[in-house]
């Protein structure tokens, strides 16, 4: 997660067509997600936005795909206070 003048940025890696929607956890600075939606006509992107909006307790309109609309690796904009990130799973420290 990055915070800059433009707001919060979240890097995610998405696995579409999974058995259930879920947040897998962090792999370095990237949040791994699984969604049941297929990667066609933006369905997986919408599922990602819904999953994160529900987790962060935000409206889906507070999230936007900035990069990676057609790939698994995405950069999302989060229009919210940085404190909402506490609702994500903690990063494992090694």
PDB file of N, CA and C in Angstrom:
ATOM      1  N   UNK A   1       0.840  -1.174   0.000  1.00  0.00           N
ATOM      2  CA  UNK A   1       0.000   0.000   0.000  1.00  0.00           C
ATOM      3  C   UNK A   1       0.878   1.228   0.000  1.00  0.00           C
ATOM      4  N   UNK A   2       0.582   2.139  -0.865  1.00  0.00           N
ATOM      5  CA  UNK A   2       1.315   3.392  -0.971  1.00  0.00           C
ATOM      6  C   UNK A   2       0.391   4.549  -0.651  1.00  0.00           C
ATOM      7  N   UNK A   3       0.923   5.579  -0.039  1.00  0.00           N
ATOM      8  CA  UNK A   3       0.182   6.812   0.198  1.00  0.00           C
ATOM      9  C   UNK A   3       0.975   7.929  -0.439  1.00  0.00           C
ATOM     10  N   UNK A   4       0.351   8.648  -1.373  1.00  0.00           N
ATOM     11  CA  UNK A   4       1.020   9.774  -2.012  1.00  0.00           C
ATOM     12  C   UNK A   4       0.013  10.903  -2.176  1.00  0.00           C
ATOM     13  N   UNK A   5       0.391  11.938  -2.913  1.00  0.00           N
ATOM     14  CA  UNK A   5      -0.494  13.082  -3.109  1.00  0.00           C
ATOM     15  C   UNK A   5      -1.808  12.662  -3.767  1.00  0.00           C
ATOM     16  N   UNK A   6      -1.759  11.630  -4.570  1.00  0.00           N
ATOM     17  CA  UNK A   6      -2.947  11.171  -5.279  1.00  0.00           C
ATOM     18  C   UNK A   6      -3.830  10.273  -4.424  1.00  0.00           C
ATOM     19  N   UNK A   7      -3.400   9.907  -3.224  1.00  0.00           N
ATOM     20  CA  UNK A   7      -4.195   9.051  -2.349  1.00  0.00           C
ATOM     21  C   UNK A   7      -3.543   7.707  -2.112  1.00  0.00           C
ATOM     22  N   UNK A   8      -4.341   6.755  -1.656  1.00  0.00           N
ATOM     23  CA  UNK A   8      -3.847   5.415  -1.347  1.00  0.00           C
ATOM     24  C   UNK A   8      -3.812   4.562  -2.608  1.00  0.00           C
ATOM     25  N   UNK A   9      -2.790   3.750  -2.728  1.00  0.00           N
ATOM     26  CA  UNK A   9      -2.640   2.818  -3.838  1.00  0.00           C
ATOM     27  C   UNK A   9      -2.409   1.430  -3.260  1.00  0.00           C
ATOM     28  N   UNK A  10      -3.065   0.434  -3.829  1.00  0.00           N
ATOM     29  CA  UNK A  10      -2.960  -0.933  -3.349  1.00  0.00           C
ATOM     30  C   UNK A  10      -2.656  -1.844  -4.528  1.00  0.00           C
ATOM     31  N   UNK A  11      -1.542  -2.582  -4.438  1.00  0.00           N
ATOM     32  CA  UNK A  11      -1.177  -3.556  -5.467  1.00  0.00           C
ATOM     33  C   UNK A  11      -1.803  -4.897  -5.096  1.00  0.00           C
ATOM     34  N   UNK A  12      -2.508  -5.510  -6.055  1.00  0.00           N
ATOM     35  CA  UNK A  12      -3.137  -6.801  -5.812  1.00  0.00           C
ATOM     36  C   UNK A  12      -2.802  -7.764  -6.941  1.00  0.00           C
ATOM     37  N   UNK A  13      -2.833  -9.044  -6.606  1.00  0.00           N
ATOM     38  CA  UNK A  13      -2.692 -10.118  -7.602  1.00  0.00           C
ATOM     39  C   UNK A  13      -3.934 -10.970  -7.474  1.00  0.00           C
ATOM     40  N   UNK A  14      -4.658 -11.138  -8.577  1.00  0.00           N
ATOM     41  CA  UNK A  14      -5.972 -11.768  -8.565  1.00  0.00           C
ATOM     42  C   UNK A  14      -5.937 -13.138  -9.229  1.00  0.00           C
ATOM     43  N   UNK A  15      -6.586 -14.096  -8.590  1.00  0.00           N
ATOM     44  CA  UNK A  15      -6.824 -15.397  -9.197  1.00  0.00           C
ATOM     45  C   UNK A  15      -8.317 -15.488  -9.482  1.00  0.00           C
ATOM     46  N   UNK A  16      -8.710 -15.424 -10.766  1.00  0.00           N
ATOM     47  CA  UNK A  16     -10.130 -15.533 -11.106  1.00  0.00           C
ATOM     48  C   UNK A  16     -10.579 -16.995 -11.136  1.00  0.00           C
ATOM     49  N   UNK A  17     -11.875 -17.202 -11.246  1.00  0.00           N
ATOM     50  CA  UNK A  17     -12.488 -18.539 -11.335  1.00  0.00           C
ATOM     51  C   UNK A  17     -12.114 -19.426 -10.151  1.00  0.00           C
ATOM     52  N   UNK A  18     -11.986 -18.829  -8.960  1.00  0.00           N
ATOM     53  CA  UNK A  18     -11.676 -19.591  -7.755  1.00  0.00           C
ATOM     54  C   UNK A  18     -12.960 -20.214  -7.196  1.00  0.00           C
ATOM     55  N   UNK A  19     -12.824 -21.073  -6.215  1.00  0.00           N
ATOM     56  CA  UNK A  19     -14.004 -21.721  -5.628  1.00  0.00           C
ATOM     57  C   UNK A  19     -14.797 -20.774  -4.733  1.00  0.00           C
ATOM     58  N   UNK A  20     -14.132 -19.717  -4.221  1.00  0.00           N
ATOM     59  CA  UNK A  20     -14.836 -18.717  -3.415  1.00  0.00           C
ATOM     60  C   UNK A  20     -14.051 -17.413  -3.415  1.00  0.00           C
ATOM     61  N   UNK A  21     -14.749 -16.326  -3.129  1.00  0.00           N
ATOM     62  CA  UNK A  21     -14.103 -15.025  -3.019  1.00  0.00           C
ATOM     63  C   UNK A  21     -13.407 -14.957  -1.666  1.00  0.00           C
ATOM     64  N   UNK A  22     -12.121 -14.572  -1.682  1.00  0.00           N
ATOM     65  CA  UNK A  22     -11.411 -14.464  -0.406  1.00  0.00           C
ATOM     66  C   UNK A  22     -10.115 -13.686  -0.589  1.00  0.00           C
ATOM     67  N   UNK A  23      -9.650 -13.154   0.529  1.00  0.00           N
ATOM     68  CA  UNK A  23      -8.336 -12.517   0.567  1.00  0.00           C
ATOM     69  C   UNK A  23      -7.369 -13.572   1.069  1.00  0.00           C
ATOM     70  N   UNK A  24      -6.383 -13.896   0.269  1.00  0.00           N
ATOM     71  CA  UNK A  24      -5.415 -14.935   0.618  1.00  0.00           C
ATOM     72  C   UNK A  24      -4.407 -14.395   1.621  1.00  0.00           C
ATOM     73  N   UNK A  25      -3.902 -13.194   1.380  1.00  0.00           N
ATOM     74  CA  UNK A  25      -2.916 -12.588   2.266  1.00  0.00           C
ATOM     75  C   UNK A  25      -1.862 -11.847   1.461  1.00  0.00           C
ATOM     76  N   UNK A  26      -0.850 -11.426   2.151  1.00  0.00           N
ATOM     77  CA  UNK A  26       0.208 -10.619   1.535  1.00  0.00           C
ATOM     78  C   UNK A  26       1.336 -11.489   1.004  1.00  0.00           C
ATOM     79  N   UNK A  27       1.852 -11.118  -0.139  1.00  0.00           N
ATOM     80  CA  UNK A  27       3.080 -11.690  -0.679  1.00  0.00           C
ATOM     81  C   UNK A  27       3.967 -10.480  -0.959  1.00  0.00           C
ATOM     82  N   UNK A  28       4.828 -10.172  -0.002  1.00  0.00           N
ATOM     83  CA  UNK A  28       5.605  -8.945  -0.088  1.00  0.00           C
ATOM     84  C   UNK A  28       4.681  -7.759   0.076  1.00  0.00           C
ATOM     85  N   UNK A  29       4.690  -6.851  -0.894  1.00  0.00           N
ATOM     86  CA  UNK A  29       3.833  -5.666  -0.861  1.00  0.00           C
ATOM     87  C   UNK A  29       2.557  -5.835  -1.679  1.00  0.00           C
ATOM     88  N   UNK A  30       2.275  -7.056  -2.110  1.00  0.00           N
ATOM     89  CA  UNK A  30       1.120  -7.324  -2.968  1.00  0.00           C
ATOM     90  C   UNK A  30       0.104  -8.156  -2.190  1.00  0.00           C
ATOM     91  N   UNK A  31      -1.156  -7.715  -2.236  1.00  0.00           N
ATOM     92  CA  UNK A  31      -2.238  -8.444  -1.588  1.00  0.00           C
ATOM     93  C   UNK A  31      -2.810  -9.443  -2.586  1.00  0.00           C
ATOM     94  N   UNK A  32      -2.823 -10.729  -2.216  1.00  0.00           N
ATOM     95  CA  UNK A  32      -3.337 -11.777  -3.098  1.00  0.00           C
ATOM     96  C   UNK A  32      -4.808 -12.010  -2.803  1.00  0.00           C
ATOM     97  N   UNK A  33      -5.609 -12.073  -3.891  1.00  0.00           N
ATOM     98  CA  UNK A  33      -7.050 -12.261  -3.795  1.00  0.00           C
ATOM     99  C   UNK A  33      -7.492 -13.384  -4.718  1.00  0.00           C
ATOM    100  N   UNK A  34      -8.590 -14.039  -4.352  1.00  0.00           N
ATOM    101  CA  UNK A  34      -9.250 -15.007  -5.219  1.00  0.00           C
ATOM    102  C   UNK A  34     -10.695 -14.558  -5.380  1.00  0.00           C
ATOM    103  N   UNK A  35     -11.194 -14.621  -6.610  1.00  0.00           N
ATOM    104  CA  UNK A  35     -12.600 -14.305  -6.870  1.00  0.00           C
ATOM    105  C   UNK A  35     -13.195 -15.395  -7.742  1.00  0.00           C
ATOM    106  N   UNK A  36     -14.485 -15.626  -7.583  1.00  0.00           N
ATOM    107  CA  UNK A  36     -15.159 -16.670  -8.355  1.00  0.00           C
ATOM    108  C   UNK A  36     -15.491 -16.218  -9.772  1.00  0.00           C
ATOM    109  N   UNK A  37     -15.504 -14.924  -9.987  1.00  0.00           N
ATOM    110  CA  UNK A  37     -15.879 -14.378 -11.299  1.00  0.00           C
ATOM    111  C   UNK A  37     -14.863 -14.749 -12.378  1.00  0.00           C
ATOM    112  N   UNK A  38     -15.363 -14.814 -13.596  1.00  0.00           N
ATOM    113  CA  UNK A  38     -14.502 -15.087 -14.749  1.00  0.00           C
ATOM    114  C   UNK A  38     -13.864 -13.777 -15.219  1.00  0.00           C
ATOM    115  N   UNK A  39     -12.685 -13.863 -15.821  1.00  0.00           N
ATOM    116  CA  UNK A  39     -12.012 -12.645 -16.283  1.00  0.00           C
ATOM    117  C   UNK A  39     -12.500 -12.201 -17.659  1.00  0.00           C
ATOM    118  N   UNK A  40     -13.787 -11.973 -17.765  1.00  0.00           N
ATOM    119  CA  UNK A  40     -14.384 -11.561 -19.034  1.00  0.00           C
ATOM    120  C   UNK A  40     -15.257 -10.332 -18.813  1.00  0.00           C
ATOM    121  N   UNK A  41     -15.125  -9.351 -19.693  1.00  0.00           N
ATOM    122  CA  UNK A  41     -15.948  -8.141 -19.667  1.00  0.00           C
ATOM    123  C   UNK A  41     -15.943  -7.447 -18.304  1.00  0.00           C
ATOM    124  N   UNK A  42     -14.803  -7.488 -17.612  1.00  0.00           N
ATOM    125  CA  UNK A  42     -14.662  -6.769 -16.352  1.00  0.00           C
ATOM    126  C   UNK A  42     -15.317  -7.420 -15.150  1.00  0.00           C
ATOM    127  N   UNK A  43     -15.808  -8.644 -15.291  1.00  0.00           N
ATOM    128  CA  UNK A  43     -16.493  -9.308 -14.178  1.00  0.00           C
ATOM    129  C   UNK A  43     -15.550  -9.559 -13.002  1.00  0.00           C
ATOM    130  N   UNK A  44     -14.337 -10.012 -13.273  1.00  0.00           N
ATOM    131  CA  UNK A  44     -13.384 -10.263 -12.185  1.00  0.00           C
ATOM    132  C   UNK A  44     -12.985  -8.952 -11.502  1.00  0.00           C
ATOM    133  N   UNK A  45     -12.806  -7.892 -12.288  1.00  0.00           N
ATOM    134  CA  UNK A  45     -12.470  -6.589 -11.693  1.00  0.00           C
ATOM    135  C   UNK A  45     -13.575  -6.124 -10.754  1.00  0.00           C
ATOM    136  N   UNK A  46     -14.829  -6.271 -11.175  1.00  0.00           N
ATOM    137  CA  UNK A  46     -15.945  -5.873 -10.317  1.00  0.00           C
ATOM    138  C   UNK A  46     -15.983  -6.716  -9.047  1.00  0.00           C
ATOM    139  N   UNK A  47     -15.678  -8.008  -9.160  1.00  0.00           N
ATOM    140  CA  UNK A  47     -15.653  -8.879  -7.979  1.00  0.00           C
ATOM    141  C   UNK A  47     -14.544  -8.464  -7.016  1.00  0.00           C
ATOM    142  N   UNK A  48     -13.397  -8.072  -7.559  1.00  0.00           N
ATOM    143  CA  UNK A  48     -12.288  -7.592  -6.724  1.00  0.00           C
ATOM    144  C   UNK A  48     -12.708  -6.340  -5.973  1.00  0.00           C
ATOM    145  N   UNK A  49     -13.325  -5.401  -6.671  1.00  0.00           N
ATOM    146  CA  UNK A  49     -13.755  -4.160  -6.031  1.00  0.00           C
ATOM    147  C   UNK A  49     -14.803  -4.429  -4.955  1.00  0.00           C
ATOM    148  N   UNK A  50     -15.739  -5.342  -5.215  1.00  0.00           N
ATOM    149  CA  UNK A  50     -16.756  -5.683  -4.206  1.00  0.00           C
ATOM    150  C   UNK A  50     -16.130  -6.341  -2.980  1.00  0.00           C
ATOM    151  N   UNK A  51     -15.214  -7.285  -3.210  1.00  0.00           N
ATOM    152  CA  UNK A  51     -14.557  -7.983  -2.101  1.00  0.00           C
ATOM    153  C   UNK A  51     -13.800  -7.006  -1.211  1.00  0.00           C
ATOM    154  N   UNK A  52     -13.017  -6.138  -1.816  1.00  0.00           N
ATOM    155  CA  UNK A  52     -12.248  -5.180  -1.024  1.00  0.00           C
ATOM    156  C   UNK A  52     -13.143  -4.124  -0.386  1.00  0.00           C
ATOM    157  N   UNK A  53     -14.170  -3.688  -1.084  1.00  0.00           N
ATOM    158  CA  UNK A  53     -15.100  -2.713  -0.507  1.00  0.00           C
ATOM    159  C   UNK A  53     -15.788  -3.304   0.727  1.00  0.00           C
ATOM    160  N   UNK A  54     -16.221  -4.555   0.632  1.00  0.00           N
ATOM    161  CA  UNK A  54     -16.847  -5.205   1.789  1.00  0.00           C
ATOM    162  C   UNK A  54     -15.862  -5.337   2.944  1.00  0.00           C
ATOM    163  N   UNK A  55     -14.644  -5.756   2.642  1.00  0.00           N
ATOM    164  CA  UNK A  55     -13.625  -5.945   3.676  1.00  0.00           C
ATOM    165  C   UNK A  55     -13.261  -4.626   4.346  1.00  0.00           C
ATOM    166  N   UNK A  56     -13.101  -3.585   3.550  1.00  0.00           N
ATOM    167  CA  UNK A  56     -12.697  -2.281   4.080  1.00  0.00           C
ATOM    168  C   UNK A  56     -13.886  -1.451   4.569  1.00  0.00           C
ATOM    169  N   UNK A  57     -15.098  -1.996   4.398  1.00  0.00           N
ATOM    170  CA  UNK A  57     -16.332  -1.308   4.796  1.00  0.00           C
ATOM    171  C   UNK A  57     -16.444   0.053   4.109  1.00  0.00           C
ATOM    172  N   UNK A  58     -16.256   0.017   2.787  1.00  0.00           N
ATOM    173  CA  UNK A  58     -16.335   1.211   1.949  1.00  0.00           C
ATOM    174  C   UNK A  58     -17.328   0.946   0.820  1.00  0.00           C
ATOM    175  N   UNK A  59     -17.856   2.000   0.197  1.00  0.00           N
ATOM    176  CA  UNK A  59     -18.647   1.782  -1.013  1.00  0.00           C
ATOM    177  C   UNK A  59     -17.713   1.388  -2.160  1.00  0.00           C
ATOM    178  N   UNK A  60     -18.210   0.625  -3.102  1.00  0.00           N
ATOM    179  CA  UNK A  60     -17.360   0.218  -4.228  1.00  0.00           C
ATOM    180  C   UNK A  60     -16.866   1.432  -5.011  1.00  0.00           C
ATOM    181  N   UNK A  61     -17.598   2.527  -4.949  1.00  0.00           N
ATOM    182  CA  UNK A  61     -17.179   3.737  -5.660  1.00  0.00           C
ATOM    183  C   UNK A  61     -15.905   4.345  -5.077  1.00  0.00           C
ATOM    184  N   UNK A  62     -15.493   3.914  -3.880  1.00  0.00           N
ATOM    185  CA  UNK A  62     -14.262   4.411  -3.262  1.00  0.00           C
ATOM    186  C   UNK A  62     -13.026   3.678  -3.787  1.00  0.00           C
ATOM    187  N   UNK A  63     -13.228   2.662  -4.622  1.00  0.00           N
ATOM    188  CA  UNK A  63     -12.133   1.874  -5.182  1.00  0.00           C
ATOM    189  C   UNK A  63     -12.158   1.967  -6.701  1.00  0.00           C
ATOM    190  N   UNK A  64     -10.974   1.963  -7.290  1.00  0.00           N
ATOM    191  CA  UNK A  64     -10.876   2.059  -8.748  1.00  0.00           C
ATOM    192  C   UNK A  64      -9.640   1.307  -9.220  1.00  0.00           C
ATOM    193  N   UNK A  65      -9.772   0.578 -10.326  1.00  0.00           N
ATOM    194  CA  UNK A  65      -8.631  -0.091 -10.944  1.00  0.00           C
ATOM    195  C   UNK A  65      -7.892   0.954 -11.783  1.00  0.00           C
ATOM    196  N   UNK A  66      -6.648   1.250 -11.395  1.00  0.00           N
ATOM    197  CA  UNK A  66      -5.834   2.207 -12.133  1.00  0.00           C
ATOM    198  C   UNK A  66      -5.041   1.549 -13.250  1.00  0.00           C
ATOM    199  N   UNK A  67      -4.493   0.380 -12.960  1.00  0.00           N
ATOM    200  CA  UNK A  67      -3.677  -0.364 -13.925  1.00  0.00           C
ATOM    201  C   UNK A  67      -4.006  -1.836 -13.817  1.00  0.00           C
ATOM    202  N   UNK A  68      -3.914  -2.538 -14.929  1.00  0.00           N
ATOM    203  CA  UNK A  68      -4.086  -3.986 -14.925  1.00  0.00           C
ATOM    204  C   UNK A  68      -5.506  -4.448 -15.152  1.00  0.00           C
ATOM    205  N   UNK A  69      -6.295  -3.670 -15.878  1.00  0.00           N
ATOM    206  CA  UNK A  69      -7.687  -4.041 -16.112  1.00  0.00           C
ATOM    207  C   UNK A  69      -7.825  -5.425 -16.744  1.00  0.00           C
ATOM    208  N   UNK A  70      -6.861  -5.832 -17.554  1.00  0.00           N
ATOM    209  CA  UNK A  70      -6.968  -7.125 -18.236  1.00  0.00           C
ATOM    210  C   UNK A  70      -5.966  -8.159 -17.740  1.00  0.00           C
ATOM    211  N   UNK A  71      -5.240  -7.860 -16.677  1.00  0.00           N
ATOM    212  CA  UNK A  71      -4.249  -8.800 -16.157  1.00  0.00           C
ATOM    213  C   UNK A  71      -4.535  -9.186 -14.721  1.00  0.00           C
ATOM    214  N   UNK A  72      -3.740 -10.094 -14.211  1.00  0.00           N
ATOM    215  CA  UNK A  72      -3.893 -10.527 -12.820  1.00  0.00           C
ATOM    216  C   UNK A  72      -3.313  -9.529 -11.831  1.00  0.00           C
ATOM    217  N   UNK A  73      -2.267  -8.828 -12.245  1.00  0.00           N
ATOM    218  CA  UNK A  73      -1.633  -7.835 -11.379  1.00  0.00           C
ATOM    219  C   UNK A  73      -2.295  -6.492 -11.615  1.00  0.00           C
ATOM    220  N   UNK A  74      -2.798  -5.897 -10.528  1.00  0.00           N
ATOM    221  CA  UNK A  74      -3.548  -4.656 -10.637  1.00  0.00           C
ATOM    222  C   UNK A  74      -3.045  -3.636  -9.624  1.00  0.00           C
ATOM    223  N   UNK A  75      -3.241  -2.377  -9.949  1.00  0.00           N
ATOM    224  CA  UNK A  75      -2.992  -1.292  -9.012  1.00  0.00           C
ATOM    225  C   UNK A  75      -4.321  -0.600  -8.801  1.00  0.00           C
ATOM    226  N   UNK A  76      -4.760  -0.551  -7.535  1.00  0.00           N
ATOM    227  CA  UNK A  76      -6.039   0.030  -7.195  1.00  0.00           C
ATOM    228  C   UNK A  76      -5.853   1.346  -6.467  1.00  0.00           C
ATOM    229  N   UNK A  77      -6.760   2.273  -6.697  1.00  0.00           N
ATOM    230  CA  UNK A  77      -6.834   3.508  -5.926  1.00  0.00           C
ATOM    231  C   UNK A  77      -7.899   3.296  -4.858  1.00  0.00           C
ATOM    232  N   UNK A  78      -7.588   3.737  -3.637  1.00  0.00           N
ATOM    233  CA  UNK A  78      -8.530   3.627  -2.524  1.00  0.00           C
ATOM    234  C   UNK A  78      -8.765   5.035  -1.997  1.00  0.00           C
ATOM    235  N   UNK A  79      -9.982   5.519  -2.161  1.00  0.00           N
ATOM    236  CA  UNK A  79     -10.337   6.857  -1.714  1.00  0.00           C
ATOM    237  C   UNK A  79     -10.882   6.758  -0.286  1.00  0.00           C
ATOM    238  N   UNK A  80      -9.946   6.719   0.680  1.00  0.00           N
ATOM    239  CA  UNK A  80     -10.331   6.569   2.084  1.00  0.00           C
ATOM    240  C   UNK A  80      -9.162   6.962   2.972  1.00  0.00           C
ATOM    241  N   UNK A  81      -9.457   7.076   4.227  1.00  0.00           N
ATOM    242  CA  UNK A  81      -8.426   7.341   5.224  1.00  0.00           C
ATOM    243  C   UNK A  81      -7.531   6.102   5.347  1.00  0.00           C
ATOM    244  N   UNK A  82      -6.229   6.274   5.513  1.00  0.00           N
ATOM    245  CA  UNK A  82      -5.329   5.116   5.627  1.00  0.00           C
ATOM    246  C   UNK A  82      -5.681   4.152   6.768  1.00  0.00           C
ATOM    247  N   UNK A  83      -6.434   4.605   7.754  1.00  0.00           N
ATOM    248  CA  UNK A  83      -6.784   3.737   8.880  1.00  0.00           C
ATOM    249  C   UNK A  83      -7.665   2.555   8.454  1.00  0.00           C
ATOM    250  N   UNK A  84      -8.360   2.646   7.308  1.00  0.00           N
ATOM    251  CA  UNK A  84      -9.195   1.530   6.864  1.00  0.00           C
ATOM    252  C   UNK A  84      -8.350   0.302   6.532  1.00  0.00           C
ATOM    253  N   UNK A  85      -7.067   0.499   6.297  1.00  0.00           N
ATOM    254  CA  UNK A  85      -6.196  -0.621   5.947  1.00  0.00           C
ATOM    255  C   UNK A  85      -6.021  -1.603   7.098  1.00  0.00           C
ATOM    256  N   UNK A  86      -6.362  -1.181   8.278  1.00  0.00           N
ATOM    257  CA  UNK A  86      -6.288  -2.091   9.438  1.00  0.00           C
ATOM    258  C   UNK A  86      -7.275  -3.242   9.293  1.00  0.00           C
ATOM    259  N   UNK A  87      -8.231  -3.090   8.414  1.00  0.00           N
ATOM    260  CA  UNK A  87      -9.236  -4.141   8.199  1.00  0.00           C
ATOM    261  C   UNK A  87      -8.722  -5.248   7.285  1.00  0.00           C
ATOM    262  N   UNK A  88      -7.585  -5.038   6.656  1.00  0.00           N
ATOM    263  CA  UNK A  88      -6.956  -6.080   5.824  1.00  0.00           C
ATOM    264  C   UNK A  88      -6.199  -7.043   6.726  1.00  0.00           C
ATOM    265  N   UNK A  89      -5.941  -8.252   6.255  1.00  0.00           N
ATOM    266  CA  UNK A  89      -5.153  -9.194   7.067  1.00  0.00           C
ATOM    267  C   UNK A  89      -3.771  -8.611   7.344  1.00  0.00           C
ATOM    268  N   UNK A  90      -3.224  -8.884   8.509  1.00  0.00           N
ATOM    269  CA  UNK A  90      -1.886  -8.373   8.809  1.00  0.00           C
ATOM    270  C   UNK A  90      -0.830  -9.030   7.930  1.00  0.00           C
ATOM    271  N   UNK A  91       0.227  -8.291   7.706  1.00  0.00           N
ATOM    272  CA  UNK A  91       1.368  -8.862   6.967  1.00  0.00           C
ATOM    273  C   UNK A  91       2.164  -9.733   7.912  1.00  0.00           C
ATOM    274  N   UNK A  92       2.621 -10.842   7.385  1.00  0.00           N
ATOM    275  CA  UNK A  92       3.459 -11.739   8.197  1.00  0.00           C
ATOM    276  C   UNK A  92       4.874 -11.191   8.222  1.00  0.00           C
ATOM    277  N   UNK A  93       5.474 -11.211   9.388  1.00  0.00           N
ATOM    278  CA  UNK A  93       6.863 -10.774   9.504  1.00  0.00           C
ATOM    279  C   UNK A  93       7.738 -12.005   9.660  1.00  0.00           C
ATOM    280  N   UNK A  94       8.860 -11.978   8.980  1.00  0.00           N
ATOM    281  CA  UNK A  94       9.774 -13.137   9.042  1.00  0.00           C
ATOM    282  C   UNK A  94      11.063 -12.743   9.650  1.00  0.00           C
TER     283      UNK A  94
END
